[in-house]
């Protein structure tokens, strides 16, 4: 976290999420397995972005929100990664697609591995729903927060099918 960013911990049904804001947009979300133990301090910060993110995540986990409106500005990412992350936001809630399908949708059908790598570096999981991308055979392949969390998020989203 750079000095000009603020962060807070949001308690989701699946564990804590650390939200990071630059004051204008949400720039990063750390999943439970990604948060260093030293970051669970009482140093909770707040700004309009973090408050909006918490409200929207609460509504999402409460089954009342399917599309996030929070401004996003990933703090990292190549042009290709950002293209993949933009495409991820087009996957409807409650559905899944394969890495191959995603690569084809962005016009790069041979870039399946690169799409997988971009997914693994998604700085805004859940809101940018990389958990909705699965193997061509339907398997739940890797997820930064672990396959169990991916399974839980997909199960949560079944209510919108």
Protein backbone atom coordinates (compact mmCIF):
# COMPACT_ATOMS: atom_id res chain seq x y z
CA UNK A 1 0.00 0.00 0.00
CA UNK A 2 1.42 3.36 -0.99
CA UNK A 3 1.15 6.29 1.42
CA UNK A 4 -1.63 7.91 -0.64
CA UNK A 5 -3.93 4.89 -0.36
CA UNK A 6 -6.35 3.91 2.34
CA UNK A 7 -7.45 0.43 3.29
CA UNK A 8 -10.03 -1.27 5.42
CA UNK A 9 -11.03 -4.84 6.15
CA UNK A 10 -14.50 -5.94 5.08
CA UNK A 11 -15.83 -9.09 6.73
CA UNK A 12 -17.42 -11.30 4.07
CA UNK A 13 -19.21 -14.60 4.69
CA UNK A 14 -16.03 -16.30 3.41
CA UNK A 15 -13.48 -14.38 5.41
CA UNK A 16 -11.95 -10.92 5.55
CA UNK A 17 -11.35 -8.89 2.40
CA UNK A 18 -8.87 -6.04 2.51
CA UNK A 19 -10.09 -3.15 0.35
CA UNK A 20 -7.71 -0.47 -0.95
CA UNK A 21 -8.70 2.96 -2.27
CA UNK A 22 -6.77 5.79 -3.86
CA UNK A 23 -9.53 8.23 -2.90
CA UNK A 24 -11.15 8.19 -6.33
CA UNK A 25 -11.50 4.46 -7.03
CA UNK A 26 -11.03 1.00 -5.61
CA UNK A 27 -7.54 -0.15 -6.61
CA UNK A 28 -7.09 -3.55 -4.95
CA UNK A 29 -8.90 -6.25 -3.02
CA UNK A 30 -6.94 -8.83 -1.08
CA UNK A 31 -8.68 -12.15 -0.46
CA UNK A 32 -8.46 -13.87 2.95
CA UNK A 33 -5.44 -15.99 1.97
CA UNK A 34 -3.60 -12.94 0.59
CA UNK A 35 -3.80 -10.67 3.63
CA UNK A 36 -0.58 -10.71 5.67
CA UNK A 37 -1.24 -11.49 9.34
CA UNK A 38 0.34 -8.17 10.29
CA UNK A 39 -2.36 -6.31 8.31
CA UNK A 40 -5.20 -7.32 10.65
CA UNK A 41 -4.58 -4.33 12.84
CA UNK A 42 -7.17 -1.91 14.11
CA UNK A 43 -5.96 0.67 11.58
CA UNK A 44 -9.24 0.87 9.71
CA UNK A 45 -9.47 3.76 7.27
CA UNK A 46 -12.45 5.16 5.49
CA UNK A 47 -13.29 7.26 2.50
CA UNK A 48 -16.28 7.43 0.17
CA UNK A 49 -14.82 4.73 -2.09
CA UNK A 50 -14.21 2.26 0.73
CA UNK A 51 -17.67 2.93 2.16
CA UNK A 52 -19.30 2.38 -1.24
CA UNK A 53 -17.29 -0.79 -1.81
CA UNK A 54 -18.36 -2.15 1.59
CA UNK A 55 -22.03 -1.34 0.89
CA UNK A 56 -21.92 -2.99 -2.53
CA UNK A 57 -20.10 -6.07 -1.26
CA UNK A 58 -22.62 -6.36 1.59
CA UNK A 59 -25.47 -6.22 -0.93
CA UNK A 60 -23.72 -8.74 -3.22
CA UNK A 61 -23.18 -11.22 -0.40
CA UNK A 62 -26.73 -10.54 0.78
CA UNK A 63 -28.10 -11.59 -2.61
CA UNK A 64 -29.31 -8.09 -3.51
CA UNK A 65 -26.67 -6.90 -6.02
CA UNK A 66 -25.51 -8.47 -9.27
CA UNK A 67 -23.57 -5.57 -10.82
CA UNK A 68 -21.06 -3.38 -9.04
CA UNK A 69 -21.02 0.37 -9.69
CA UNK A 70 -17.94 1.22 -7.62
CA UNK A 71 -15.28 3.07 -9.64
CA UNK A 72 -12.31 0.79 -10.31
CA UNK A 73 -8.74 1.69 -11.11
CA UNK A 74 -6.44 -1.35 -10.87
CA UNK A 75 -3.14 -0.25 -9.37
CA UNK A 76 -1.22 -2.57 -11.69
CA UNK A 77 -1.64 -4.31 -15.01
CA UNK A 78 -0.42 -4.42 -18.57
CA UNK A 79 -2.61 -3.39 -21.47
CA UNK A 80 -3.38 -7.07 -22.16
CA UNK A 81 -4.23 -7.80 -18.50
CA UNK A 82 -6.57 -4.81 -18.38
CA UNK A 83 -8.25 -6.02 -21.57
CA UNK A 84 -8.87 -9.41 -19.93
CA UNK A 85 -10.11 -7.79 -16.72
CA UNK A 86 -12.54 -5.63 -18.70
CA UNK A 87 -13.86 -8.74 -20.45
CA UNK A 88 -14.33 -10.49 -17.10
CA UNK A 89 -16.83 -7.81 -16.09
CA UNK A 90 -19.01 -8.87 -19.03
CA UNK A 91 -19.53 -12.41 -17.70
CA UNK A 92 -23.07 -12.45 -16.30
CA UNK A 93 -23.47 -13.26 -12.63
CA UNK A 94 -24.37 -16.89 -12.04
CA UNK A 95 -22.61 -18.09 -15.19
CA UNK A 96 -19.18 -19.43 -16.02
CA UNK A 97 -17.05 -19.51 -19.15
CA UNK A 98 -13.81 -21.28 -20.02
CA UNK A 99 -10.43 -19.65 -20.40
CA UNK A 100 -10.59 -20.64 -24.07
CA UNK A 101 -13.94 -18.89 -24.53
CA UNK A 102 -12.62 -15.78 -22.81
CA UNK A 103 -9.54 -15.75 -25.04
CA UNK A 104 -11.79 -16.03 -28.09
CA UNK A 105 -14.08 -13.25 -26.84
CA UNK A 106 -11.18 -10.82 -26.63
CA UNK A 107 -10.09 -11.77 -30.14
CA UNK A 108 -7.03 -13.79 -29.09
CA UNK A 109 -8.08 -17.45 -29.33
CA UNK A 110 -4.48 -18.70 -29.03
CA UNK A 111 -3.79 -16.73 -25.85
CA UNK A 112 -5.50 -19.13 -23.45
CA UNK A 113 -2.48 -19.36 -21.11
CA UNK A 114 -1.97 -15.60 -21.18
CA UNK A 115 -5.65 -15.14 -20.27
CA UNK A 116 -5.15 -17.54 -17.36
CA UNK A 117 -2.10 -15.60 -16.24
CA UNK A 118 -4.01 -12.30 -16.46
CA UNK A 119 -6.78 -13.83 -14.35
CA UNK A 120 -4.28 -14.86 -11.70
CA UNK A 121 -3.06 -11.25 -11.43
CA UNK A 122 -6.52 -9.67 -11.17
CA UNK A 123 -6.16 -7.04 -8.42
CA UNK A 124 -9.93 -6.69 -7.91
CA UNK A 125 -11.31 -10.22 -7.40
CA UNK A 126 -15.03 -10.72 -6.80
CA UNK A 127 -15.90 -7.33 -8.32
CA UNK A 128 -13.90 -8.23 -11.44
CA UNK A 129 -15.21 -11.81 -11.43
CA UNK A 130 -12.25 -13.99 -12.40
CA UNK A 131 -13.86 -16.74 -10.29
CA UNK A 132 -16.38 -17.22 -13.14
CA UNK A 133 -13.67 -18.57 -15.45
CA UNK A 134 -13.25 -22.35 -15.36
CA UNK A 135 -11.40 -25.05 -17.27
CA UNK A 136 -12.70 -26.20 -20.66
CA UNK A 137 -13.71 -29.50 -19.04
CA UNK A 138 -15.74 -27.68 -16.37
CA UNK A 139 -13.11 -28.07 -13.67
CA UNK A 140 -12.51 -25.37 -11.11
CA UNK A 141 -8.93 -24.50 -11.90
CA UNK A 142 -6.74 -22.23 -9.81
CA UNK A 143 -7.92 -19.14 -8.01
CA UNK A 144 -5.82 -16.64 -6.07
CA UNK A 145 -8.03 -17.15 -3.02
CA UNK A 146 -8.01 -20.94 -3.39
CA UNK A 147 -10.32 -23.31 -5.24
CA UNK A 148 -12.56 -23.65 -2.16
CA UNK A 149 -13.31 -19.90 -2.19
CA UNK A 150 -13.93 -20.05 -5.94
CA UNK A 151 -16.42 -22.88 -5.35
CA UNK A 152 -18.14 -20.90 -2.58
CA UNK A 153 -18.47 -17.77 -4.75
CA UNK A 154 -19.91 -19.76 -7.66
CA UNK A 155 -22.33 -21.52 -5.31
CA UNK A 156 -23.38 -18.13 -3.91
CA UNK A 157 -24.06 -16.84 -7.43
CA UNK A 158 -26.27 -19.81 -8.39
CA UNK A 159 -29.21 -17.91 -6.91
CA UNK A 160 -29.16 -15.59 -9.93
CA UNK A 161 -29.33 -18.28 -12.61
